[in-house]
Amino acid sequence: MGKATLTGKGRRWLLKGHPWVYRDDFAEVEGTMGELIPVNDPSGGPMGWGLYSTKSRIAVRMVTRSTEQPNRAFWLARMQSAVDRRQKLAMLDPEGACRLIGGDADGFPGLVIDRYAKTLVVQSGAQGSDTMRDFLLGLLKEVLPFAPDCIVDRSDTSVRKLEGLDPRVEVIEGSLTGPILVRDGQLSYEVDVTGGHKTGHYLDQSFNRREAAKLGVGGRVLDAFAYDGLFGLHAALAGAEEVLCLEQNKAACERIMKNAERNGVADKVRVEKVDCMKDMRARAEAGERYELVIVDPPAFARSKKEIEGAARGYVELNRRAIDLTVPLGSIVSASCSHNVGAEEFIRMIGKAAHGAGREVWLEDMKKASPDHPHLVTLPETDYLKCAFLRIG
């Protein structure tokens, strides 16, 4: 069995509660890929158990602070707890979708499992989650209130390179006969779980989309960086007069129109395949205006080194959104960059408001849907900011 002995600095770091321990915080650490190892303080006293990585700068991801080694009963109870939380959130409708396992925030380091109807999509980003994948899937099937029809592995994220792992996309169980159909309230939409972004979709905005839809009733809606267009489609179903979705991905554009037709709102919805930033600037200069503008771009800052460039991007994007919004209209502006905090994001919107010469009021600041938990000792799990703004 491997073992790990912390430095004094590492001990102090672990006592603060953060579950990730970096390689330079160990006096010695050894183990095999993804092995569950005991972690000791500098004097040899036990501090818990964690999953070891032979490659990552994050050498150990803590699983428990208990001295007792986690066993099958430990993992089964943890899995049951995660599923029970989704049950209490009323998110286990067999036709719906949700995040069942939220990685480190749910106590499963590196492992994400999303559910689209009865299809499970696994995404592993660490050696430990690779090693434990099949074992944990077996436990999940024990506690789910329904049996999955299919299980897909979408472990193809770039973070795997840091762990020395190759990308992997495969069907583990069952078979796929085409896109998965999911129901979200009145909306029915299809998901490409093998070729779509992330695990096939962005589930973290599900609650925010429903709230945003209320702001577009009776008006014109612009959904920029639309991906599958669910912000815009929810708005169309809620009573928007017309919806324009801007998206650069061809396959996503096609799904938007399929979903619009499926939900009986194709007459309200237009899709244009464009570079959103350039297109929004051109539309603003042409005098187009909307009662609701939604901007939900990909992460602009994937590391601290990218924050300065991200700031310029967020200011520019929100400036264009402000220019495109009618007086007393609304903007829903999102950032999924963990490295840009909520206060910093609002300051960027403030710069955009000043540049546009208009008053902007923050009416609400929302986060990810509750099936994407924020573990307070792991700030990295607090990443999504969704500002609901009123424009003067």
Protein backbone atom coordinates (compact mmCIF):
# COMPACT_ATOMS: atom_id res chain seq x y z
CA MET A 1 0.00 0.00 0.00
CA GLY A 2 1.14 3.54 -0.78
CA LYS A 3 1.57 6.19 1.86
CA ALA A 4 1.86 9.94 2.22
CA THR A 5 3.49 12.11 4.88
CA LEU A 6 2.71 15.81 4.91
CA THR A 7 5.10 18.67 5.53
CA GLY A 8 4.20 21.15 8.24
CA LYS A 9 2.86 23.48 5.57
CA GLY A 10 0.83 20.64 4.07
CA ARG A 11 -0.65 19.79 7.45
CA ARG A 12 -1.73 23.40 7.98
CA TRP A 13 -3.26 23.48 4.49
CA LEU A 14 -5.22 20.29 5.09
CA LEU A 15 -6.49 21.55 8.45
CA LYS A 16 -8.08 24.52 6.63
CA GLY A 17 -10.46 22.05 5.01
CA HIS A 18 -9.46 22.13 1.33
CA PRO A 19 -9.54 18.53 0.01
CA TRP A 20 -6.75 18.91 -2.58
CA VAL A 21 -3.16 18.42 -1.42
CA TYR A 22 -0.37 19.49 -3.77
CA ARG A 23 2.78 17.48 -4.38
CA ASP A 24 5.12 20.01 -2.77
CA ASP A 25 3.10 19.76 0.47
CA PHE A 26 4.33 16.21 1.09
CA ALA A 27 7.61 15.20 2.70
CA GLU A 28 7.10 11.86 0.97
CA VAL A 29 4.30 10.37 -1.07
CA GLU A 30 4.11 7.13 -3.01
CA GLY A 31 1.50 4.87 -4.50
CA THR A 32 0.12 3.43 -7.72
CA MET A 33 -2.13 5.23 -10.20
CA GLY A 34 -5.41 6.14 -8.51
CA GLU A 35 -4.63 4.24 -5.31
CA LEU A 36 -6.48 5.03 -2.07
CA ILE A 37 -3.70 5.80 0.42
CA PRO A 38 -3.45 6.91 4.07
CA VAL A 39 -2.30 10.47 4.70
CA ASN A 40 -0.25 11.24 7.82
CA ASP A 41 0.99 14.41 9.47
CA PRO A 42 4.77 15.07 9.86
CA SER A 43 4.91 13.06 13.10
CA GLY A 44 3.13 10.07 11.57
CA GLY A 45 -0.33 10.81 13.00
CA PRO A 46 -3.26 9.83 10.72
CA MET A 47 -5.13 12.62 8.91
CA GLY A 48 -7.36 10.61 6.62
CA TRP A 49 -7.41 8.85 3.27
CA GLY A 50 -7.11 10.18 -0.26
CA LEU A 51 -6.81 9.12 -3.90
CA TYR A 52 -3.29 9.39 -5.28
CA SER A 53 -2.17 10.66 -8.68
CA THR A 54 1.26 9.78 -10.02
CA LYS A 55 1.24 12.70 -12.49
CA SER A 56 -0.88 15.64 -11.37
CA ARG A 57 0.36 18.59 -9.33
CA ILE A 58 -2.62 17.70 -7.11
CA ALA A 59 -0.98 14.59 -5.67
CA VAL A 60 -3.83 13.57 -3.35
CA ARG A 61 -7.55 14.31 -3.37
CA MET A 62 -8.90 13.63 0.10
CA VAL A 63 -11.83 11.25 0.47
CA THR A 64 -12.24 11.25 4.25
CA ARG A 65 -10.61 12.77 7.34
CA SER A 66 -11.41 9.60 9.29
CA THR A 67 -8.65 7.21 10.33
CA GLU A 68 -10.79 4.29 9.18
CA GLN A 69 -10.11 3.09 5.62
CA PRO A 70 -13.12 3.61 3.32
CA ASN A 71 -14.80 0.33 2.40
CA ARG A 72 -17.76 -0.68 0.27
CA ALA A 73 -20.28 0.38 2.92
CA PHE A 74 -18.62 3.82 3.11
CA TRP A 75 -18.90 4.38 -0.65
CA LEU A 76 -22.43 2.99 -0.83
CA ALA A 77 -23.61 5.39 1.90
CA ARG A 78 -21.94 8.31 0.12
CA MET A 79 -23.60 7.33 -3.17
CA GLN A 80 -26.99 6.99 -1.48
CA SER A 81 -26.58 10.45 0.05
CA ALA A 82 -25.84 12.02 -3.34
CA VAL A 83 -28.89 10.43 -4.95
CA ASP A 84 -31.11 11.31 -1.99
CA ARG A 85 -30.15 14.98 -2.34
CA ARG A 86 -31.28 14.96 -5.98
CA GLN A 87 -34.46 13.20 -4.94
CA LYS A 88 -35.21 15.98 -2.43
CA LEU A 89 -34.66 18.50 -5.22
CA ALA A 90 -37.30 16.65 -7.30
CA MET A 91 -34.70 16.07 -10.00
CA LEU A 92 -35.05 12.32 -10.55
CA ASP A 93 -37.92 12.36 -13.05
CA PRO A 94 -36.99 9.48 -15.42
CA GLU A 95 -37.70 11.75 -18.41
CA GLY A 96 -35.66 14.66 -17.04
CA ALA A 97 -31.97 15.37 -16.60
CA CYS A 98 -29.63 16.29 -13.76
CA ARG A 99 -26.13 15.91 -12.41
CA LEU A 100 -26.17 12.83 -10.19
CA ILE A 101 -22.55 12.97 -9.03
CA GLY A 102 -20.73 16.30 -8.84
CA GLY A 103 -17.14 15.16 -8.45
CA ASP A 104 -15.17 16.34 -5.41
CA ALA A 105 -18.14 18.39 -4.16
CA ASP A 106 -20.12 15.16 -3.66
CA GLY A 107 -17.13 13.29 -2.25
CA PHE A 108 -16.18 11.46 -5.46
CA PRO A 109 -12.90 13.09 -6.54
CA GLY A 110 -12.63 13.64 -10.28
CA LEU A 111 -15.90 11.88 -11.13
CA VAL A 112 -18.94 13.49 -12.76
CA ILE A 113 -22.05 11.51 -13.68
CA ASP A 114 -24.86 13.26 -15.55
CA ARG A 115 -28.24 11.75 -16.31
CA TYR A 116 -30.20 12.41 -19.49
CA ALA A 117 -33.52 10.57 -19.08
CA LYS A 118 -32.35 6.98 -18.43
CA THR A 119 -28.93 7.40 -20.02
CA LEU A 120 -26.00 7.97 -17.67
CA VAL A 121 -22.93 9.82 -18.90
CA VAL A 122 -19.71 9.40 -16.92
CA GLN A 123 -16.80 11.84 -17.07
CA SER A 124 -13.58 11.00 -15.24
CA GLY A 125 -10.89 13.64 -14.80
CA ALA A 126 -8.45 11.95 -12.40
CA GLN A 127 -6.55 8.72 -11.96
CA GLY A 128 -8.58 7.83 -8.87
CA SER A 129 -11.93 8.21 -10.64
CA ASP A 130 -10.62 6.12 -13.55
CA THR A 131 -9.60 3.36 -11.14
CA MET A 132 -12.92 3.42 -9.27
CA ARG A 133 -15.26 4.02 -12.23
CA ASP A 134 -16.81 0.57 -12.58
CA PHE A 135 -17.05 0.00 -8.83
CA LEU A 136 -18.86 3.30 -8.29
CA LEU A 137 -21.18 2.77 -11.25
CA GLY A 138 -22.21 -0.53 -9.70
CA LEU A 139 -23.11 1.25 -6.45
CA LEU A 140 -25.01 3.95 -8.30
CA LYS A 141 -27.16 1.38 -10.05
CA GLU A 142 -27.99 -0.10 -6.65
CA VAL A 143 -29.39 3.17 -5.27
CA LEU A 144 -31.02 4.75 -8.34
CA PRO A 145 -34.83 4.44 -8.25
CA PHE A 146 -34.81 3.22 -11.88
CA ALA A 147 -32.47 1.13 -14.01
CA PRO A 148 -30.44 3.01 -16.65
CA ASP A 149 -30.93 2.01 -20.28
CA CYS A 150 -27.41 2.99 -21.30
CA ILE A 151 -24.14 4.15 -19.72
CA VAL A 152 -21.67 6.22 -21.75
CA ASP A 153 -18.14 7.29 -20.82
CA ARG A 154 -17.31 10.82 -22.07
CA SER A 155 -13.90 11.12 -20.43
CA ASP A 156 -12.41 13.33 -23.14
CA THR A 157 -11.68 16.58 -21.29
CA SER A 158 -8.31 18.32 -21.54
CA VAL A 159 -7.75 18.02 -17.77
CA ARG A 160 -6.96 14.33 -18.28
CA LYS A 161 -3.62 15.34 -19.81
CA LEU A 162 -2.57 16.68 -16.40
CA GLU A 163 -3.24 13.21 -14.98
CA GLY A 164 -1.35 11.39 -17.74
CA LEU A 165 -4.60 9.90 -19.03
CA ASP A 166 -5.73 9.49 -22.63
CA PRO A 167 -9.16 10.70 -23.76
CA ARG A 168 -11.87 8.05 -23.80
CA VAL A 169 -15.36 7.93 -25.34
CA GLU A 170 -17.19 4.61 -25.17
CA VAL A 171 -20.52 2.97 -24.47
CA ILE A 172 -20.08 0.94 -21.29
CA GLU A 173 -23.51 -0.66 -21.08
CA GLY A 174 -26.55 -0.80 -23.34
CA SER A 175 -26.63 0.87 -26.73
CA LEU A 176 -27.30 4.24 -28.31
CA THR A 177 -29.77 4.38 -31.18
CA GLY A 178 -29.66 8.15 -31.63
CA PRO A 179 -29.96 11.40 -29.69
CA ILE A 180 -31.43 11.21 -26.18
CA LEU A 181 -34.72 13.03 -25.61
CA VAL A 182 -35.08 14.92 -22.33
CA ARG A 183 -38.02 16.79 -20.82
CA ASP A 184 -37.53 20.01 -18.84
CA GLY A 185 -40.91 21.34 -17.77
CA GLN A 186 -42.81 22.15 -20.98
CA LEU A 187 -39.65 21.81 -23.07
CA SER A 188 -38.53 18.62 -24.81
CA TYR A 189 -35.02 18.62 -26.25
CA GLU A 190 -32.44 16.24 -27.69
CA VAL A 191 -28.93 15.67 -26.41
CA ASP A 192 -25.90 14.29 -28.26
CA VAL A 193 -24.09 12.47 -25.45
CA THR A 194 -21.14 11.31 -27.56
CA GLY A 195 -20.44 14.41 -29.64
CA GLY A 196 -22.01 17.32 -27.73
CA HIS A 197 -20.16 19.67 -25.39
CA LYS A 198 -19.20 18.41 -21.92
CA THR A 199 -21.34 15.33 -21.24
CA GLY A 200 -23.73 16.39 -24.01
CA HIS A 201 -25.27 19.48 -22.48
CA TYR A 202 -24.89 22.32 -19.93
CA LEU A 203 -27.09 21.25 -17.03
CA ASP A 204 -25.79 23.89 -14.62
CA GLN A 205 -28.05 26.60 -16.12
CA SER A 206 -31.30 24.62 -15.97
CA PHE A 207 -32.90 26.66 -13.15
CA ASN A 208 -31.63 29.96 -14.52
CA ARG A 209 -33.13 29.31 -17.96
CA ARG A 210 -36.61 29.01 -16.49
CA GLU A 211 -36.21 32.27 -14.57
CA ALA A 212 -34.80 34.11 -17.57
CA ALA A 213 -37.72 33.00 -19.75
CA LYS A 214 -40.13 35.07 -17.66
CA LEU A 215 -38.31 38.26 -18.67
CA GLY A 216 -38.93 37.80 -22.38
CA VAL A 217 -42.72 37.41 -22.37
CA GLY A 218 -44.24 39.46 -25.18
CA GLY A 219 -40.89 40.76 -26.40
CA ARG A 220 -37.95 40.08 -28.70
CA VAL A 221 -35.21 37.83 -27.29
CA LEU A 222 -31.58 37.50 -28.37
CA ASP A 223 -29.82 34.33 -27.15
CA ALA A 224 -26.08 34.68 -27.84
CA PHE A 225 -23.65 31.75 -27.50
CA ALA A 226 -26.87 29.75 -27.58
CA TYR A 227 -25.38 26.24 -27.99
CA ASP A 228 -28.57 24.10 -28.04
CA GLY A 229 -30.69 27.22 -27.58
CA LEU A 230 -32.43 26.26 -24.35
CA PHE A 231 -32.44 29.81 -22.95
CA GLY A 232 -34.16 30.98 -26.13
CA LEU A 233 -36.49 28.00 -26.46
CA HIS A 234 -37.67 28.36 -22.86
CA ALA A 235 -38.37 32.03 -23.62
CA ALA A 236 -40.33 31.12 -26.75
CA LEU A 237 -42.47 28.65 -24.80
CA ALA A 238 -43.04 31.22 -22.05
CA GLY A 239 -44.49 33.71 -24.53
CA ALA A 240 -41.69 35.64 -26.22
CA GLU A 241 -42.77 37.24 -29.49
CA GLU A 242 -39.64 36.13 -31.35
CA VAL A 243 -36.27 34.60 -30.50
CA LEU A 244 -32.96 34.91 -32.33
CA CYS A 245 -30.28 32.35 -31.41
CA LEU A 246 -26.66 33.08 -32.30
CA GLU A 247 -24.28 30.11 -32.30
CA GLN A 248 -21.04 29.16 -34.04
CA ASN A 249 -21.34 25.36 -33.86
CA LYS A 250 -23.15 23.95 -36.91
CA ALA A 251 -24.44 20.79 -35.19
CA ALA A 252 -25.80 22.87 -32.28
CA CYS A 253 -27.56 25.22 -34.72
CA GLU A 254 -29.27 22.22 -36.30
CA ARG A 255 -30.36 20.91 -32.89
CA ILE A 256 -31.86 24.29 -32.00
CA MET A 257 -34.19 24.18 -34.99
CA LYS A 258 -35.07 20.51 -34.42
CA ASN A 259 -35.95 21.34 -30.83
CA ALA A 260 -37.92 24.41 -31.91
CA GLU A 261 -39.97 22.25 -34.28
CA ARG A 262 -40.38 19.54 -31.65
CA ASN A 263 -41.84 22.11 -29.22
CA GLY A 264 -44.08 23.90 -31.72
CA VAL A 265 -42.21 27.23 -31.66
CA ALA A 266 -40.33 27.07 -34.98
CA ASP A 267 -42.34 30.05 -36.23
CA LYS A 268 -40.90 32.17 -33.40
CA VAL A 269 -37.28 31.01 -33.50
CA ARG A 270 -34.46 31.93 -35.90
CA VAL A 271 -30.92 30.58 -35.76
CA GLU A 272 -27.81 32.17 -37.28
CA LYS A 273 -24.40 30.51 -37.39
CA VAL A 274 -22.04 33.40 -36.57
CA ASP A 275 -19.12 34.62 -34.51
CA CYS A 276 -21.27 35.98 -31.67
CA MET A 277 -19.00 38.82 -30.55
CA LYS A 278 -18.60 40.26 -34.05
CA ASP A 279 -22.24 39.70 -34.91
CA MET A 280 -23.52 41.43 -31.78
CA ARG A 281 -21.38 44.46 -32.53
CA ALA A 282 -22.77 44.67 -36.06
CA ARG A 283 -26.36 44.31 -34.84
CA ALA A 284 -25.88 47.03 -32.24
CA GLU A 285 -24.43 49.39 -34.82
CA ALA A 286 -27.37 48.60 -37.13
CA GLY A 287 -29.79 49.69 -34.39
CA GLU A 288 -31.32 46.33 -33.48
CA ARG A 289 -32.91 46.23 -30.03
CA TYR A 290 -34.35 43.47 -27.85
CA GLU A 291 -36.40 43.28 -24.66
CA LEU A 292 -34.19 40.44 -23.37
CA VAL A 293 -30.57 39.69 -24.26
CA ILE A 294 -28.91 36.51 -22.97
CA VAL A 295 -25.12 36.09 -23.10
CA ASP A 296 -23.77 32.76 -21.86
CA PRO A 297 -20.29 32.37 -23.37
CA PRO A 298 -17.73 29.61 -22.77
CA ALA A 299 -15.12 30.24 -20.06
CA PHE A 300 -12.94 33.23 -20.93
CA ALA A 301 -10.39 32.52 -18.16
CA ARG A 302 -9.36 28.89 -17.70
CA SER A 303 -6.34 29.93 -15.62
CA LYS A 304 -5.24 32.95 -13.60
CA LYS A 305 -2.91 33.93 -16.45
CA GLU A 306 -5.94 34.52 -18.67
CA ILE A 307 -7.85 36.86 -16.32
CA GLU A 308 -6.66 40.09 -17.95
CA GLY A 309 -7.76 38.97 -21.40
CA ALA A 310 -11.00 37.61 -19.98
CA ALA A 311 -11.77 40.98 -18.40
CA ARG A 312 -11.51 42.70 -21.77
CA GLY A 313 -13.76 40.03 -23.28
CA TYR A 314 -16.45 40.29 -20.61
CA VAL A 315 -16.48 44.09 -20.78
CA GLU A 316 -16.78 44.04 -24.57
CA LEU A 317 -19.47 41.35 -24.57
CA ASN A 318 -21.62 43.09 -21.96
CA ARG A 319 -21.14 46.45 -23.67
CA ARG A 320 -22.65 44.98 -26.83
CA ALA A 321 -25.46 43.36 -24.86
CA ILE A 322 -26.29 46.73 -23.24
CA ASP A 323 -26.28 48.44 -26.63
CA LEU A 324 -28.74 45.83 -27.93
CA THR A 325 -31.23 46.17 -25.05
CA VAL A 326 -34.24 48.51 -25.02
CA PRO A 327 -34.72 50.92 -22.10
CA LEU A 328 -36.00 48.98 -19.08
CA GLY A 329 -35.19 45.75 -20.88
CA SER A 330 -33.24 42.88 -19.32
CA ILE A 331 -29.90 41.16 -19.75
CA VAL A 332 -29.00 37.75 -18.37
CA SER A 333 -25.21 37.62 -18.41
CA ALA A 334 -23.23 34.57 -17.32
CA SER A 335 -19.61 33.66 -16.61
CA CYS A 336 -18.47 30.10 -15.98
CA SER A 337 -14.85 31.14 -15.34
CA HIS A 338 -13.92 30.10 -11.78
CA ASN A 339 -10.95 32.46 -11.92
CA VAL A 340 -13.31 35.44 -12.28
CA GLY A 341 -15.15 35.98 -8.99
CA ALA A 342 -18.67 37.38 -8.65
CA GLU A 343 -17.57 40.82 -7.45
CA GLU A 344 -14.99 41.03 -10.21
CA PHE A 345 -17.60 40.02 -12.78
CA ILE A 346 -19.94 42.79 -11.62
CA ARG A 347 -17.10 45.31 -11.87
CA MET A 348 -16.59 44.23 -15.47
CA ILE A 349 -20.29 44.74 -16.18
CA GLY A 350 -19.98 48.15 -14.51
CA LYS A 351 -17.20 49.11 -16.92
CA ALA A 352 -19.42 48.00 -19.79
CA ALA A 353 -22.29 50.13 -18.47
CA HIS A 354 -20.03 53.17 -18.17
CA GLY A 355 -18.74 52.64 -21.70
CA ALA A 356 -22.27 52.36 -23.03
CA GLY A 357 -23.37 55.47 -21.12
CA ARG A 358 -26.38 53.75 -19.59
CA GLU A 359 -27.56 52.82 -16.12
CA VAL A 360 -27.54 49.13 -15.27
CA TRP A 361 -29.09 47.63 -12.14
CA LEU A 362 -28.23 44.21 -10.75
CA GLU A 363 -31.55 42.62 -9.81
CA ASP A 364 -30.26 39.16 -8.93
CA MET A 365 -27.09 37.07 -9.03
CA LYS A 366 -27.70 33.37 -9.41
CA LYS A 367 -25.37 30.38 -9.35
CA ALA A 368 -25.39 26.88 -10.80
CA SER A 369 -28.45 24.70 -10.35
CA PRO A 370 -28.41 22.91 -6.97
CA ASP A 371 -27.50 19.54 -8.47
CA HIS A 372 -24.08 21.17 -9.09
CA PRO A 373 -23.15 21.60 -5.41
CA HIS A 374 -20.76 24.23 -4.08
CA LEU A 375 -18.59 22.65 -1.40
CA VAL A 376 -17.62 25.59 0.80
CA THR A 377 -14.14 24.20 1.54
CA LEU A 378 -13.48 23.81 -2.20
CA PRO A 379 -13.83 27.27 -3.82
CA GLU A 380 -13.24 25.75 -7.25
CA THR A 381 -16.78 24.34 -7.13
CA ASP A 382 -18.24 27.88 -7.02
CA TYR A 383 -17.71 28.81 -10.64
CA LEU A 384 -20.96 29.90 -12.33
CA LYS A 385 -22.24 33.46 -12.04
CA CYS A 386 -25.49 34.45 -13.74
CA ALA A 387 -26.36 38.14 -13.41
CA PHE A 388 -29.96 39.27 -13.98
CA LEU A 389 -29.71 42.93 -15.02
CA ARG A 390 -32.16 45.76 -15.74
CA ILE A 391 -31.04 48.35 -18.28
CA GLY A 392 -31.87 52.06 -18.08
